């Protein structure tokens, strides 16, 4: 789904609102939303503003690294240059190939359970100013999107 595409489900509309908020407050070339799969050691992309390059339902392993521990504690990760986040991202070459070199990861938790992350990417050097207030605001909106996604899954399974 491109940034201007019309959402089709309630959860897509919720994540589109998150994308709009973050675009206005911080800016991004790409926003993806990754959901922690509760019964697997992986995460699944459930929303993207660039489906051609980063399609929904793409999965990748959930490693237990310093970055994972940071996310599980509910702390945002901000890096303005590829060398600042490269050690934590196995897909760094793909990210850089798409002209992206700065990242913000915003964990979304429900109590102590990690639901997933909001992943903003932009050109190298993009994220140097204050971003944490917008991250906290987006996290609240995203929790609604995750709840709507769970409802959507339950409806599909029924």
C-alpha atoms as a PDB file:
ATOM      1  CA  UNK A   1       0.000   0.000   0.000  1.00  0.00           C
ATOM      2  CA  UNK A   2       1.511   3.323  -0.952  1.00  0.00           C
ATOM      3  CA  UNK A   3       1.223   6.261   1.418  1.00  0.00           C
ATOM      4  CA  UNK A   4      -1.718   7.574  -0.625  1.00  0.00           C
ATOM      5  CA  UNK A   5      -3.518   4.242  -1.071  1.00  0.00           C
ATOM      6  CA  UNK A   6      -6.965   3.862   0.456  1.00  0.00           C
ATOM      7  CA  UNK A   7      -7.062   1.426   3.399  1.00  0.00           C
ATOM      8  CA  UNK A   8      -9.458  -1.476   3.036  1.00  0.00           C
ATOM      9  CA  UNK A   9      -9.742  -2.775   6.586  1.00  0.00           C
ATOM     10  CA  UNK A  10     -10.180  -1.117   9.967  1.00  0.00           C
ATOM     11  CA  UNK A  11      -6.665  -2.118  11.018  1.00  0.00           C
ATOM     12  CA  UNK A  12      -5.172  -0.698   7.808  1.00  0.00           C
ATOM     13  CA  UNK A  13      -7.036   2.561   8.440  1.00  0.00           C
ATOM     14  CA  UNK A  14      -5.637   2.664  11.983  1.00  0.00           C
ATOM     15  CA  UNK A  15      -2.079   2.093  10.765  1.00  0.00           C
ATOM     16  CA  UNK A  16      -2.587   4.649   7.961  1.00  0.00           C
ATOM     17  CA  UNK A  17      -3.499   7.172  10.678  1.00  0.00           C
ATOM     18  CA  UNK A  18      -0.283   6.231  12.513  1.00  0.00           C
ATOM     19  CA  UNK A  19       1.656   6.732   9.279  1.00  0.00           C
ATOM     20  CA  UNK A  20       0.038  10.144   8.727  1.00  0.00           C
ATOM     21  CA  UNK A  21       0.837  11.250  12.271  1.00  0.00           C
ATOM     22  CA  UNK A  22       4.453  10.139  11.998  1.00  0.00           C
ATOM     23  CA  UNK A  23       4.795  11.697   8.557  1.00  0.00           C
ATOM     24  CA  UNK A  24       3.629  15.051   9.923  1.00  0.00           C
ATOM     25  CA  UNK A  25       5.647  14.914  13.139  1.00  0.00           C
ATOM     26  CA  UNK A  26       8.885  13.183  12.064  1.00  0.00           C
ATOM     27  CA  UNK A  27       8.750  12.211   8.384  1.00  0.00           C
ATOM     28  CA  UNK A  28       9.483   8.880   6.728  1.00  0.00           C
ATOM     29  CA  UNK A  29       9.951   7.304   3.316  1.00  0.00           C
ATOM     30  CA  UNK A  30       8.760   3.937   4.608  1.00  0.00           C
ATOM     31  CA  UNK A  31       6.670   2.751   7.507  1.00  0.00           C
ATOM     32  CA  UNK A  32       6.209  -0.925   8.219  1.00  0.00           C
ATOM     33  CA  UNK A  33       4.395  -2.535  11.112  1.00  0.00           C
ATOM     34  CA  UNK A  34       5.751  -5.845  12.374  1.00  0.00           C
ATOM     35  CA  UNK A  35       3.727  -8.152  14.581  1.00  0.00           C
ATOM     36  CA  UNK A  36       5.365 -10.591  16.971  1.00  0.00           C
ATOM     37  CA  UNK A  37       4.002 -14.035  16.171  1.00  0.00           C
ATOM     38  CA  UNK A  38       3.086 -15.475  19.563  1.00  0.00           C
ATOM     39  CA  UNK A  39       3.713 -19.125  18.687  1.00  0.00           C
ATOM     40  CA  UNK A  40       6.797 -18.632  16.540  1.00  0.00           C
ATOM     41  CA  UNK A  41      10.242 -17.129  16.928  1.00  0.00           C
ATOM     42  CA  UNK A  42       9.540 -14.648  14.152  1.00  0.00           C
ATOM     43  CA  UNK A  43       7.806 -11.402  13.237  1.00  0.00           C
ATOM     44  CA  UNK A  44       5.396 -10.767  10.401  1.00  0.00           C
ATOM     45  CA  UNK A  45       4.915  -7.530   8.472  1.00  0.00           C
ATOM     46  CA  UNK A  46       1.211  -6.637   8.680  1.00  0.00           C
ATOM     47  CA  UNK A  47       1.299  -3.123   7.208  1.00  0.00           C
ATOM     48  CA  UNK A  48       3.557  -1.250   4.828  1.00  0.00           C
ATOM     49  CA  UNK A  49       3.562   1.985   2.903  1.00  0.00           C
ATOM     50  CA  UNK A  50       5.645   0.333   0.138  1.00  0.00           C
ATOM     51  CA  UNK A  51       4.127  -3.075  -0.638  1.00  0.00           C
ATOM     52  CA  UNK A  52       6.179  -3.554  -3.795  1.00  0.00           C
ATOM     53  CA  UNK A  53       9.484  -3.461  -1.897  1.00  0.00           C
ATOM     54  CA  UNK A  54       8.242  -4.581   1.542  1.00  0.00           C
ATOM     55  CA  UNK A  55       5.110  -6.728   1.082  1.00  0.00           C
ATOM     56  CA  UNK A  56       2.762  -7.568   3.923  1.00  0.00           C
ATOM     57  CA  UNK A  57       3.032 -11.005   5.479  1.00  0.00           C
ATOM     58  CA  UNK A  58       6.769 -11.119   4.926  1.00  0.00           C
ATOM     59  CA  UNK A  59       8.377 -12.871   7.884  1.00  0.00           C
ATOM     60  CA  UNK A  60      11.808 -12.786   9.427  1.00  0.00           C
ATOM     61  CA  UNK A  61      13.311 -14.508  12.452  1.00  0.00           C
ATOM     62  CA  UNK A  62      13.072 -12.814  15.799  1.00  0.00           C
ATOM     63  CA  UNK A  63      16.570 -12.917  17.174  1.00  0.00           C
ATOM     64  CA  UNK A  64      17.313 -12.327  20.817  1.00  0.00           C
ATOM     65  CA  UNK A  65      19.778  -9.466  20.633  1.00  0.00           C
ATOM     66  CA  UNK A  66      20.445  -6.196  22.419  1.00  0.00           C
ATOM     67  CA  UNK A  67      17.946  -4.598  20.009  1.00  0.00           C
ATOM     68  CA  UNK A  68      15.253  -7.160  20.928  1.00  0.00           C
ATOM     69  CA  UNK A  69      15.821  -6.531  24.639  1.00  0.00           C
ATOM     70  CA  UNK A  70      15.459  -2.785  24.019  1.00  0.00           C
ATOM     71  CA  UNK A  71      12.143  -3.344  22.218  1.00  0.00           C
ATOM     72  CA  UNK A  72      10.857  -5.654  24.954  1.00  0.00           C
ATOM     73  CA  UNK A  73      11.613  -2.948  27.545  1.00  0.00           C
ATOM     74  CA  UNK A  74       9.483  -0.546  25.500  1.00  0.00           C
ATOM     75  CA  UNK A  75      12.356   1.728  24.514  1.00  0.00           C
ATOM     76  CA  UNK A  76      12.506   3.325  21.075  1.00  0.00           C
ATOM     77  CA  UNK A  77      15.545   2.783  18.882  1.00  0.00           C
ATOM     78  CA  UNK A  78      16.753   5.741  16.797  1.00  0.00           C
ATOM     79  CA  UNK A  79      19.670   5.599  14.372  1.00  0.00           C
ATOM     80  CA  UNK A  80      20.547   8.268  11.814  1.00  0.00           C
ATOM     81  CA  UNK A  81      23.175   6.344   9.830  1.00  0.00           C
ATOM     82  CA  UNK A  82      23.365   2.740   8.536  1.00  0.00           C
ATOM     83  CA  UNK A  83      26.481   2.037  10.607  1.00  0.00           C
ATOM     84  CA  UNK A  84      24.449   2.882  13.729  1.00  0.00           C
ATOM     85  CA  UNK A  85      21.845   0.192  13.098  1.00  0.00           C
ATOM     86  CA  UNK A  86      23.570  -2.214  10.700  1.00  0.00           C
ATOM     87  CA  UNK A  87      24.763  -4.617  13.401  1.00  0.00           C
ATOM     88  CA  UNK A  88      21.119  -5.134  14.467  1.00  0.00           C
ATOM     89  CA  UNK A  89      19.563  -5.631  11.015  1.00  0.00           C
ATOM     90  CA  UNK A  90      20.340  -8.628   8.844  1.00  0.00           C
ATOM     91  CA  UNK A  91      18.584  -6.951   5.896  1.00  0.00           C
ATOM     92  CA  UNK A  92      20.822  -3.853   5.930  1.00  0.00           C
ATOM     93  CA  UNK A  93      21.919  -4.256   2.267  1.00  0.00           C
ATOM     94  CA  UNK A  94      18.266  -4.269   1.144  1.00  0.00           C
ATOM     95  CA  UNK A  95      17.484  -1.234   3.273  1.00  0.00           C
ATOM     96  CA  UNK A  96      20.423   0.758   1.880  1.00  0.00           C
ATOM     97  CA  UNK A  97      19.671  -0.380  -1.688  1.00  0.00           C
ATOM     98  CA  UNK A  98      16.256   1.287  -1.343  1.00  0.00           C
ATOM     99  CA  UNK A  99      17.896   4.604  -0.405  1.00  0.00           C
ATOM    100  CA  UNK A 100      17.167   4.272   3.290  1.00  0.00           C
ATOM    101  CA  UNK A 101      19.764   4.917   5.964  1.00  0.00           C
ATOM    102  CA  UNK A 102      17.998   6.155   9.098  1.00  0.00           C
ATOM    103  CA  UNK A 103      15.608   4.154  11.255  1.00  0.00           C
ATOM    104  CA  UNK A 104      13.280   4.540  14.194  1.00  0.00           C
ATOM    105  CA  UNK A 105      11.775   1.436  15.777  1.00  0.00           C
ATOM    106  CA  UNK A 106       8.873   2.004  18.143  1.00  0.00           C
ATOM    107  CA  UNK A 107       7.848  -0.981  20.268  1.00  0.00           C
ATOM    108  CA  UNK A 108       4.149  -1.416  20.976  1.00  0.00           C
ATOM    109  CA  UNK A 109       3.367  -3.306  24.152  1.00  0.00           C
ATOM    110  CA  UNK A 110       0.235  -4.437  25.934  1.00  0.00           C
ATOM    111  CA  UNK A 111       1.354  -4.563  29.532  1.00  0.00           C
ATOM    112  CA  UNK A 112       4.548  -6.613  29.350  1.00  0.00           C
ATOM    113  CA  UNK A 113       3.552  -8.437  26.131  1.00  0.00           C
ATOM    114  CA  UNK A 114       5.217  -7.076  23.023  1.00  0.00           C
ATOM    115  CA  UNK A 115       2.668  -6.810  20.212  1.00  0.00           C
ATOM    116  CA  UNK A 116       5.129  -5.616  17.602  1.00  0.00           C
ATOM    117  CA  UNK A 117       6.988  -2.600  16.288  1.00  0.00           C
ATOM    118  CA  UNK A 118       6.468   0.448  14.133  1.00  0.00           C
ATOM    119  CA  UNK A 119       9.459   0.781  11.827  1.00  0.00           C
ATOM    120  CA  UNK A 120      10.160   4.146  10.223  1.00  0.00           C
ATOM    121  CA  UNK A 121      12.887   4.480   7.639  1.00  0.00           C
ATOM    122  CA  UNK A 122      14.190   7.495   5.777  1.00  0.00           C
ATOM    123  CA  UNK A 123      17.357   8.746   4.092  1.00  0.00           C
ATOM    124  CA  UNK A 124      20.598   8.665   6.062  1.00  0.00           C
ATOM    125  CA  UNK A 125      20.814  11.587   8.470  1.00  0.00           C
ATOM    126  CA  UNK A 126      17.062  12.117   8.635  1.00  0.00           C
ATOM    127  CA  UNK A 127      16.490  11.389  12.318  1.00  0.00           C
ATOM    128  CA  UNK A 128      18.637  13.797  14.284  1.00  0.00           C
ATOM    129  CA  UNK A 129      16.071  15.949  16.078  1.00  0.00           C
ATOM    130  CA  UNK A 130      13.698  15.217  18.957  1.00  0.00           C
ATOM    131  CA  UNK A 131      11.369  12.348  18.047  1.00  0.00           C
ATOM    132  CA  UNK A 132      10.356  10.647  21.281  1.00  0.00           C
ATOM    133  CA  UNK A 133       7.134  12.591  21.920  1.00  0.00           C
ATOM    134  CA  UNK A 134       5.822  11.619  18.487  1.00  0.00           C
ATOM    135  CA  UNK A 135       6.925   8.016  19.055  1.00  0.00           C
ATOM    136  CA  UNK A 136       4.940   7.810  22.298  1.00  0.00           C
ATOM    137  CA  UNK A 137       1.884   9.335  20.625  1.00  0.00           C
ATOM    138  CA  UNK A 138       2.124   6.905  17.699  1.00  0.00           C
ATOM    139  CA  UNK A 139       2.497   3.939  20.041  1.00  0.00           C
ATOM    140  CA  UNK A 140      -0.922   4.683  21.546  1.00  0.00           C
ATOM    141  CA  UNK A 141      -2.572   4.831  18.118  1.00  0.00           C
ATOM    142  CA  UNK A 142      -0.776   1.691  16.997  1.00  0.00           C
ATOM    143  CA  UNK A 143      -2.104  -0.329  19.946  1.00  0.00           C
ATOM    144  CA  UNK A 144      -5.580   0.195  18.469  1.00  0.00           C
ATOM    145  CA  UNK A 145      -4.324  -1.007  15.079  1.00  0.00           C
ATOM    146  CA  UNK A 146      -2.916  -4.191  16.618  1.00  0.00           C
ATOM    147  CA  UNK A 147      -6.233  -4.844  18.421  1.00  0.00           C
ATOM    148  CA  UNK A 148      -8.133  -4.364  15.150  1.00  0.00           C
ATOM    149  CA  UNK A 149      -5.710  -6.713  13.389  1.00  0.00           C
ATOM    150  CA  UNK A 150      -6.371  -9.401  16.015  1.00  0.00           C
ATOM    151  CA  UNK A 151     -10.136  -8.934  15.487  1.00  0.00           C
ATOM    152  CA  UNK A 152      -9.646  -9.230  11.722  1.00  0.00           C
ATOM    153  CA  UNK A 153      -7.713 -12.476  12.189  1.00  0.00           C
ATOM    154  CA  UNK A 154     -10.424 -13.869  14.459  1.00  0.00           C
ATOM    155  CA  UNK A 155     -13.139 -12.995  11.908  1.00  0.00           C
ATOM    156  CA  UNK A 156     -11.180 -14.701   9.126  1.00  0.00           C
ATOM    157  CA  UNK A 157     -10.739 -17.824  11.249  1.00  0.00           C
ATOM    158  CA  UNK A 158     -14.485 -18.026  12.088  1.00  0.00           C
END
